[in-house]
């Protein structure tokens, strides 16, 4: 049964954030709230956690995982950014966007799109996510929590679907699913792949 931790969305309790980080650093998989609904996450180097998330979501090897990052300073370590892309990210982040970027050489191959060598990157404005990443001090491997036949609005929805499949679930109240806007910058131009919660007028 997954451990349930209730964390305040605007003023996350550091003691509880540390509990979540301890689970991640010991190889765990978590379900956590973001500014676009719940997500599944595991530590960057956790191959077993990656496979567990793939099994929960029934994902193929070609599915892009997203690196959930604290701020722009982290992105350059994992993805290639030209000046135009950097300016765009600086203008609209943090927020409900996922950017597809060409991966830097040091990114583990298991995280990359098999053919394109790209990676998804997010910087969430959610208070719990920011606190978690600040304490973890590295990006989180992440995918949205989407399961056929389930809708995730309340913590009971998440527990009902995942209680025996993840190690910890963060509860911070009502968290409706609204997918991120996905923008592909890997070709040098901004291409909107999916319109979601992020305002696309900011791209103009």
C-alpha atoms as a PDB file:
ATOM      1  CA  UNK A   1       0.000   0.000   0.000  1.00  0.00           C
ATOM      2  CA  UNK A   2       1.349   3.414  -0.981  1.00  0.00           C
ATOM      3  CA  UNK A   3       2.269   5.901   1.726  1.00  0.00           C
ATOM      4  CA  UNK A   4      -0.006   8.960   1.609  1.00  0.00           C
ATOM      5  CA  UNK A   5       1.515  12.373   2.415  1.00  0.00           C
ATOM      6  CA  UNK A   6      -0.681  15.498   2.587  1.00  0.00           C
ATOM      7  CA  UNK A   7       1.372  18.565   1.620  1.00  0.00           C
ATOM      8  CA  UNK A   8       0.161  22.166   1.492  1.00  0.00           C
ATOM      9  CA  UNK A   9       0.201  23.375  -2.148  1.00  0.00           C
ATOM     10  CA  UNK A  10       1.314  26.961  -1.412  1.00  0.00           C
ATOM     11  CA  UNK A  11       3.409  26.405   1.713  1.00  0.00           C
ATOM     12  CA  UNK A  12       4.874  22.906   1.455  1.00  0.00           C
ATOM     13  CA  UNK A  13       6.074  21.544   4.793  1.00  0.00           C
ATOM     14  CA  UNK A  14       9.806  20.831   4.443  1.00  0.00           C
ATOM     15  CA  UNK A  15       9.632  17.836   6.789  1.00  0.00           C
ATOM     16  CA  UNK A  16       7.115  16.166   4.468  1.00  0.00           C
ATOM     17  CA  UNK A  17       8.982  17.164   1.306  1.00  0.00           C
ATOM     18  CA  UNK A  18      12.057  15.436   2.771  1.00  0.00           C
ATOM     19  CA  UNK A  19      10.017  12.258   3.293  1.00  0.00           C
ATOM     20  CA  UNK A  20       9.136  12.237  -0.410  1.00  0.00           C
ATOM     21  CA  UNK A  21      12.759  12.865  -1.420  1.00  0.00           C
ATOM     22  CA  UNK A  22      13.890   9.992   0.823  1.00  0.00           C
ATOM     23  CA  UNK A  23      11.488   7.655  -1.029  1.00  0.00           C
ATOM     24  CA  UNK A  24      12.790   8.860  -4.415  1.00  0.00           C
ATOM     25  CA  UNK A  25      16.428   8.494  -3.389  1.00  0.00           C
ATOM     26  CA  UNK A  26      15.806   4.954  -2.157  1.00  0.00           C
ATOM     27  CA  UNK A  27      14.466   3.886  -5.568  1.00  0.00           C
ATOM     28  CA  UNK A  28      10.765   4.637  -5.139  1.00  0.00           C
ATOM     29  CA  UNK A  29       8.059   5.726  -7.579  1.00  0.00           C
ATOM     30  CA  UNK A  30       5.655   8.509  -6.583  1.00  0.00           C
ATOM     31  CA  UNK A  31       2.380  10.003  -7.793  1.00  0.00           C
ATOM     32  CA  UNK A  32       2.429  13.774  -7.366  1.00  0.00           C
ATOM     33  CA  UNK A  33       0.370  16.857  -8.277  1.00  0.00           C
ATOM     34  CA  UNK A  34       1.464  19.387 -10.909  1.00  0.00           C
ATOM     35  CA  UNK A  35      -0.127  22.466 -12.483  1.00  0.00           C
ATOM     36  CA  UNK A  36      -1.602  20.150 -15.149  1.00  0.00           C
ATOM     37  CA  UNK A  37      -2.895  17.236 -13.097  1.00  0.00           C
ATOM     38  CA  UNK A  38      -1.206  14.275 -11.442  1.00  0.00           C
ATOM     39  CA  UNK A  39       2.041  12.748 -12.686  1.00  0.00           C
ATOM     40  CA  UNK A  40       4.228   9.726 -11.966  1.00  0.00           C
ATOM     41  CA  UNK A  41       7.852  10.371 -11.034  1.00  0.00           C
ATOM     42  CA  UNK A  42      11.068   8.617 -10.119  1.00  0.00           C
ATOM     43  CA  UNK A  43      14.698   9.669  -9.590  1.00  0.00           C
ATOM     44  CA  UNK A  44      16.869  10.385 -12.612  1.00  0.00           C
ATOM     45  CA  UNK A  45      19.114   7.328 -12.367  1.00  0.00           C
ATOM     46  CA  UNK A  46      16.416   4.844 -11.378  1.00  0.00           C
ATOM     47  CA  UNK A  47      16.130   2.274 -14.222  1.00  0.00           C
ATOM     48  CA  UNK A  48      13.795   0.062 -12.211  1.00  0.00           C
ATOM     49  CA  UNK A  49      11.534   3.020 -11.429  1.00  0.00           C
ATOM     50  CA  UNK A  50      11.437   3.878 -15.135  1.00  0.00           C
ATOM     51  CA  UNK A  51      10.296   0.350 -15.989  1.00  0.00           C
ATOM     52  CA  UNK A  52       7.680   0.386 -13.228  1.00  0.00           C
ATOM     53  CA  UNK A  53       6.224   3.612 -14.640  1.00  0.00           C
ATOM     54  CA  UNK A  54       6.209   2.090 -18.135  1.00  0.00           C
ATOM     55  CA  UNK A  55       4.271  -0.895 -16.801  1.00  0.00           C
ATOM     56  CA  UNK A  56       1.752   1.265 -14.889  1.00  0.00           C
ATOM     57  CA  UNK A  57       1.071   3.364 -17.983  1.00  0.00           C
ATOM     58  CA  UNK A  58       1.563   0.497 -20.519  1.00  0.00           C
ATOM     59  CA  UNK A  59       4.065   2.692 -22.367  1.00  0.00           C
ATOM     60  CA  UNK A  60       6.207   1.634 -25.310  1.00  0.00           C
ATOM     61  CA  UNK A  61       9.969   2.144 -25.368  1.00  0.00           C
ATOM     62  CA  UNK A  62       9.389   5.047 -27.750  1.00  0.00           C
ATOM     63  CA  UNK A  63       7.384   7.139 -25.318  1.00  0.00           C
ATOM     64  CA  UNK A  64       9.134  10.368 -24.319  1.00  0.00           C
ATOM     65  CA  UNK A  65       9.705  10.751 -20.603  1.00  0.00           C
ATOM     66  CA  UNK A  66       9.743  14.323 -19.358  1.00  0.00           C
ATOM     67  CA  UNK A  67      12.431  15.794 -17.140  1.00  0.00           C
ATOM     68  CA  UNK A  68      10.684  17.886 -14.511  1.00  0.00           C
ATOM     69  CA  UNK A  69      13.169  20.653 -13.670  1.00  0.00           C
ATOM     70  CA  UNK A  70      13.398  23.345 -11.041  1.00  0.00           C
ATOM     71  CA  UNK A  71      14.551  26.204 -13.276  1.00  0.00           C
ATOM     72  CA  UNK A  72      16.162  27.201 -16.570  1.00  0.00           C
ATOM     73  CA  UNK A  73      19.677  26.790 -15.207  1.00  0.00           C
ATOM     74  CA  UNK A  74      19.148  23.033 -15.143  1.00  0.00           C
ATOM     75  CA  UNK A  75      17.946  22.723 -18.732  1.00  0.00           C
ATOM     76  CA  UNK A  76      21.311  23.416 -20.361  1.00  0.00           C
ATOM     77  CA  UNK A  77      22.783  20.361 -18.635  1.00  0.00           C
ATOM     78  CA  UNK A  78      20.321  18.016 -20.349  1.00  0.00           C
ATOM     79  CA  UNK A  79      19.195  19.684 -23.580  1.00  0.00           C
ATOM     80  CA  UNK A  80      20.608  21.812 -26.382  1.00  0.00           C
ATOM     81  CA  UNK A  81      19.249  25.360 -26.440  1.00  0.00           C
ATOM     82  CA  UNK A  82      19.951  28.053 -28.989  1.00  0.00           C
ATOM     83  CA  UNK A  83      19.421  31.727 -28.113  1.00  0.00           C
ATOM     84  CA  UNK A  84      15.914  31.900 -29.588  1.00  0.00           C
ATOM     85  CA  UNK A  85      14.776  28.813 -27.678  1.00  0.00           C
ATOM     86  CA  UNK A  86      16.288  30.118 -24.445  1.00  0.00           C
ATOM     87  CA  UNK A  87      14.522  33.465 -24.823  1.00  0.00           C
ATOM     88  CA  UNK A  88      11.204  31.712 -25.432  1.00  0.00           C
ATOM     89  CA  UNK A  89      11.576  29.462 -22.388  1.00  0.00           C
ATOM     90  CA  UNK A  90      12.623  32.396 -20.218  1.00  0.00           C
ATOM     91  CA  UNK A  91       9.564  34.331 -21.381  1.00  0.00           C
ATOM     92  CA  UNK A  92       6.885  31.743 -20.578  1.00  0.00           C
ATOM     93  CA  UNK A  93       8.253  29.445 -17.873  1.00  0.00           C
ATOM     94  CA  UNK A  94       7.412  28.267 -15.277  1.00  0.00           C
ATOM     95  CA  UNK A  95       4.033  27.059 -16.466  1.00  0.00           C
ATOM     96  CA  UNK A  96       1.958  24.253 -17.983  1.00  0.00           C
ATOM     97  CA  UNK A  97       4.189  23.583 -20.977  1.00  0.00           C
ATOM     98  CA  UNK A  98       6.289  20.636 -22.114  1.00  0.00           C
ATOM     99  CA  UNK A  99       9.135  21.441 -24.500  1.00  0.00           C
ATOM    100  CA  UNK A 100      10.653  18.832 -26.815  1.00  0.00           C
ATOM    101  CA  UNK A 101      14.359  19.590 -27.205  1.00  0.00           C
ATOM    102  CA  UNK A 102      17.406  17.929 -28.701  1.00  0.00           C
ATOM    103  CA  UNK A 103      19.090  16.086 -25.857  1.00  0.00           C
ATOM    104  CA  UNK A 104      22.594  16.873 -24.653  1.00  0.00           C
ATOM    105  CA  UNK A 105      25.194  14.121 -24.985  1.00  0.00           C
ATOM    106  CA  UNK A 106      25.255  13.224 -21.295  1.00  0.00           C
ATOM    107  CA  UNK A 107      21.545  12.299 -21.134  1.00  0.00           C
ATOM    108  CA  UNK A 108      21.036   8.546 -20.583  1.00  0.00           C
ATOM    109  CA  UNK A 109      19.808   6.827 -23.764  1.00  0.00           C
ATOM    110  CA  UNK A 110      16.918   5.199 -21.900  1.00  0.00           C
ATOM    111  CA  UNK A 111      15.354   8.661 -21.499  1.00  0.00           C
ATOM    112  CA  UNK A 112      15.499   9.612 -25.158  1.00  0.00           C
ATOM    113  CA  UNK A 113      13.059   9.190 -27.998  1.00  0.00           C
ATOM    114  CA  UNK A 114      14.491   6.152 -29.794  1.00  0.00           C
ATOM    115  CA  UNK A 115      14.768   7.743 -33.243  1.00  0.00           C
ATOM    116  CA  UNK A 116      14.816  11.490 -32.686  1.00  0.00           C
ATOM    117  CA  UNK A 117      17.214  11.706 -29.696  1.00  0.00           C
ATOM    118  CA  UNK A 118      14.937  14.286 -28.119  1.00  0.00           C
ATOM    119  CA  UNK A 119      13.744  14.793 -24.587  1.00  0.00           C
ATOM    120  CA  UNK A 120      10.760  16.484 -22.974  1.00  0.00           C
ATOM    121  CA  UNK A 121      11.411  19.243 -20.438  1.00  0.00           C
ATOM    122  CA  UNK A 122       9.038  20.898 -17.949  1.00  0.00           C
ATOM    123  CA  UNK A 123       9.325  23.630 -15.329  1.00  0.00           C
ATOM    124  CA  UNK A 124       6.183  23.611 -13.227  1.00  0.00           C
ATOM    125  CA  UNK A 125       4.935  26.581 -11.227  1.00  0.00           C
ATOM    126  CA  UNK A 126       3.352  24.227  -8.676  1.00  0.00           C
ATOM    127  CA  UNK A 127       4.599  24.914  -5.137  1.00  0.00           C
ATOM    128  CA  UNK A 128       4.985  21.260  -4.167  1.00  0.00           C
ATOM    129  CA  UNK A 129       6.905  20.440  -7.353  1.00  0.00           C
ATOM    130  CA  UNK A 130       9.268  23.382  -6.838  1.00  0.00           C
ATOM    131  CA  UNK A 131       9.911  22.412  -3.203  1.00  0.00           C
ATOM    132  CA  UNK A 132      10.483  18.791  -4.186  1.00  0.00           C
ATOM    133  CA  UNK A 133      12.999  19.625  -6.920  1.00  0.00           C
ATOM    134  CA  UNK A 134      14.844  22.131  -4.730  1.00  0.00           C
ATOM    135  CA  UNK A 135      15.371  19.479  -2.051  1.00  0.00           C
ATOM    136  CA  UNK A 136      16.078  16.649  -4.519  1.00  0.00           C
ATOM    137  CA  UNK A 137      18.589  18.904  -6.354  1.00  0.00           C
ATOM    138  CA  UNK A 138      18.198  17.063  -9.659  1.00  0.00           C
ATOM    139  CA  UNK A 139      15.440  16.650 -12.260  1.00  0.00           C
ATOM    140  CA  UNK A 140      12.664  14.115 -11.827  1.00  0.00           C
ATOM    141  CA  UNK A 141      11.839  11.587 -14.559  1.00  0.00           C
ATOM    142  CA  UNK A 142       8.140  12.058 -15.093  1.00  0.00           C
ATOM    143  CA  UNK A 143       5.057  11.227 -17.167  1.00  0.00           C
ATOM    144  CA  UNK A 144       1.462  12.392 -16.820  1.00  0.00           C
ATOM    145  CA  UNK A 145      -0.848  10.076 -14.900  1.00  0.00           C
ATOM    146  CA  UNK A 146      -3.214   8.863 -17.625  1.00  0.00           C
ATOM    147  CA  UNK A 147      -4.919   5.477 -17.329  1.00  0.00           C
ATOM    148  CA  UNK A 148      -7.731   4.164 -19.514  1.00  0.00           C
ATOM    149  CA  UNK A 149     -11.014   4.108 -17.637  1.00  0.00           C
ATOM    150  CA  UNK A 150      -9.825   6.461 -14.880  1.00  0.00           C
ATOM    151  CA  UNK A 151     -10.132  10.187 -14.247  1.00  0.00           C
ATOM    152  CA  UNK A 152      -7.923  11.825 -11.640  1.00  0.00           C
ATOM    153  CA  UNK A 153      -9.374  14.840  -9.834  1.00  0.00           C
ATOM    154  CA  UNK A 154      -9.214  13.897  -6.152  1.00  0.00           C
ATOM    155  CA  UNK A 155      -6.760  11.924  -4.065  1.00  0.00           C
ATOM    156  CA  UNK A 156      -9.241   9.024  -3.758  1.00  0.00           C
ATOM    157  CA  UNK A 157      -9.180   8.652  -7.559  1.00  0.00           C
ATOM    158  CA  UNK A 158      -5.393   8.311  -7.465  1.00  0.00           C
ATOM    159  CA  UNK A 159      -5.343   5.925  -4.510  1.00  0.00           C
ATOM    160  CA  UNK A 160      -8.008   3.732  -6.064  1.00  0.00           C
ATOM    161  CA  UNK A 161      -5.954   3.251  -9.225  1.00  0.00           C
ATOM    162  CA  UNK A 162      -2.393   3.203  -7.860  1.00  0.00           C
ATOM    163  CA  UNK A 163      -2.398   2.133  -4.211  1.00  0.00           C
ATOM    164  CA  UNK A 164      -0.428  -1.071  -4.842  1.00  0.00           C
ATOM    165  CA  UNK A 165       1.666   0.201  -7.760  1.00  0.00           C
ATOM    166  CA  UNK A 166       3.560   3.201  -6.371  1.00  0.00           C
ATOM    167  CA  UNK A 167       5.446   3.784  -3.114  1.00  0.00           C
ATOM    168  CA  UNK A 168       4.091   7.216  -2.187  1.00  0.00           C
ATOM    169  CA  UNK A 169       1.209   9.498  -3.201  1.00  0.00           C
ATOM    170  CA  UNK A 170       1.196  13.242  -2.484  1.00  0.00           C
ATOM    171  CA  UNK A 171      -2.173  14.745  -1.588  1.00  0.00           C
ATOM    172  CA  UNK A 172      -2.548  18.519  -1.889  1.00  0.00           C
ATOM    173  CA  UNK A 173      -6.276  18.675  -2.549  1.00  0.00           C
ATOM    174  CA  UNK A 174      -8.199  19.082  -5.796  1.00  0.00           C
ATOM    175  CA  UNK A 175      -5.931  18.606  -8.824  1.00  0.00           C
ATOM    176  CA  UNK A 176      -7.880  18.426 -12.109  1.00  0.00           C
ATOM    177  CA  UNK A 177      -6.179  16.923 -15.169  1.00  0.00           C
ATOM    178  CA  UNK A 178      -5.464  19.519 -17.831  1.00  0.00           C
ATOM    179  CA  UNK A 179      -2.611  18.387 -20.101  1.00  0.00           C
ATOM    180  CA  UNK A 180       0.331  20.670 -20.809  1.00  0.00           C
ATOM    181  CA  UNK A 181       0.777  22.470 -24.087  1.00  0.00           C
ATOM    182  CA  UNK A 182       3.530  20.561 -25.938  1.00  0.00           C
ATOM    183  CA  UNK A 183       5.945  22.597 -28.060  1.00  0.00           C
ATOM    184  CA  UNK A 184       8.640  20.971 -30.210  1.00  0.00           C
ATOM    185  CA  UNK A 185      11.791  23.106 -30.475  1.00  0.00           C
ATOM    186  CA  UNK A 186      14.108  20.316 -31.649  1.00  0.00           C
ATOM    187  CA  UNK A 187      14.096  21.488 -35.291  1.00  0.00           C
ATOM    188  CA  UNK A 188      14.908  25.108 -34.398  1.00  0.00           C
ATOM    189  CA  UNK A 189      11.333  26.368 -34.872  1.00  0.00           C
ATOM    190  CA  UNK A 190       8.499  26.333 -32.350  1.00  0.00           C
ATOM    191  CA  UNK A 191       5.965  23.722 -33.452  1.00  0.00           C
ATOM    192  CA  UNK A 192       2.859  23.216 -31.310  1.00  0.00           C
ATOM    193  CA  UNK A 193       2.280  19.464 -30.981  1.00  0.00           C
ATOM    194  CA  UNK A 194      -0.603  19.660 -28.519  1.00  0.00           C
ATOM    195  CA  UNK A 195      -2.644  22.585 -27.237  1.00  0.00           C
ATOM    196  CA  UNK A 196      -3.301  22.325 -23.520  1.00  0.00           C
ATOM    197  CA  UNK A 197      -3.192  24.377 -20.332  1.00  0.00           C
ATOM    198  CA  UNK A 198      -0.319  26.661 -21.413  1.00  0.00           C
ATOM    199  CA  UNK A 199      -1.304  29.845 -23.265  1.00  0.00           C
ATOM    200  CA  UNK A 200      -0.050  29.572 -26.870  1.00  0.00           C
ATOM    201  CA  UNK A 201      -0.560  33.302 -27.545  1.00  0.00           C
ATOM    202  CA  UNK A 202       2.683  33.810 -25.612  1.00  0.00           C
ATOM    203  CA  UNK A 203       4.530  32.150 -28.503  1.00  0.00           C
ATOM    204  CA  UNK A 204       3.606  34.936 -30.890  1.00  0.00           C
END
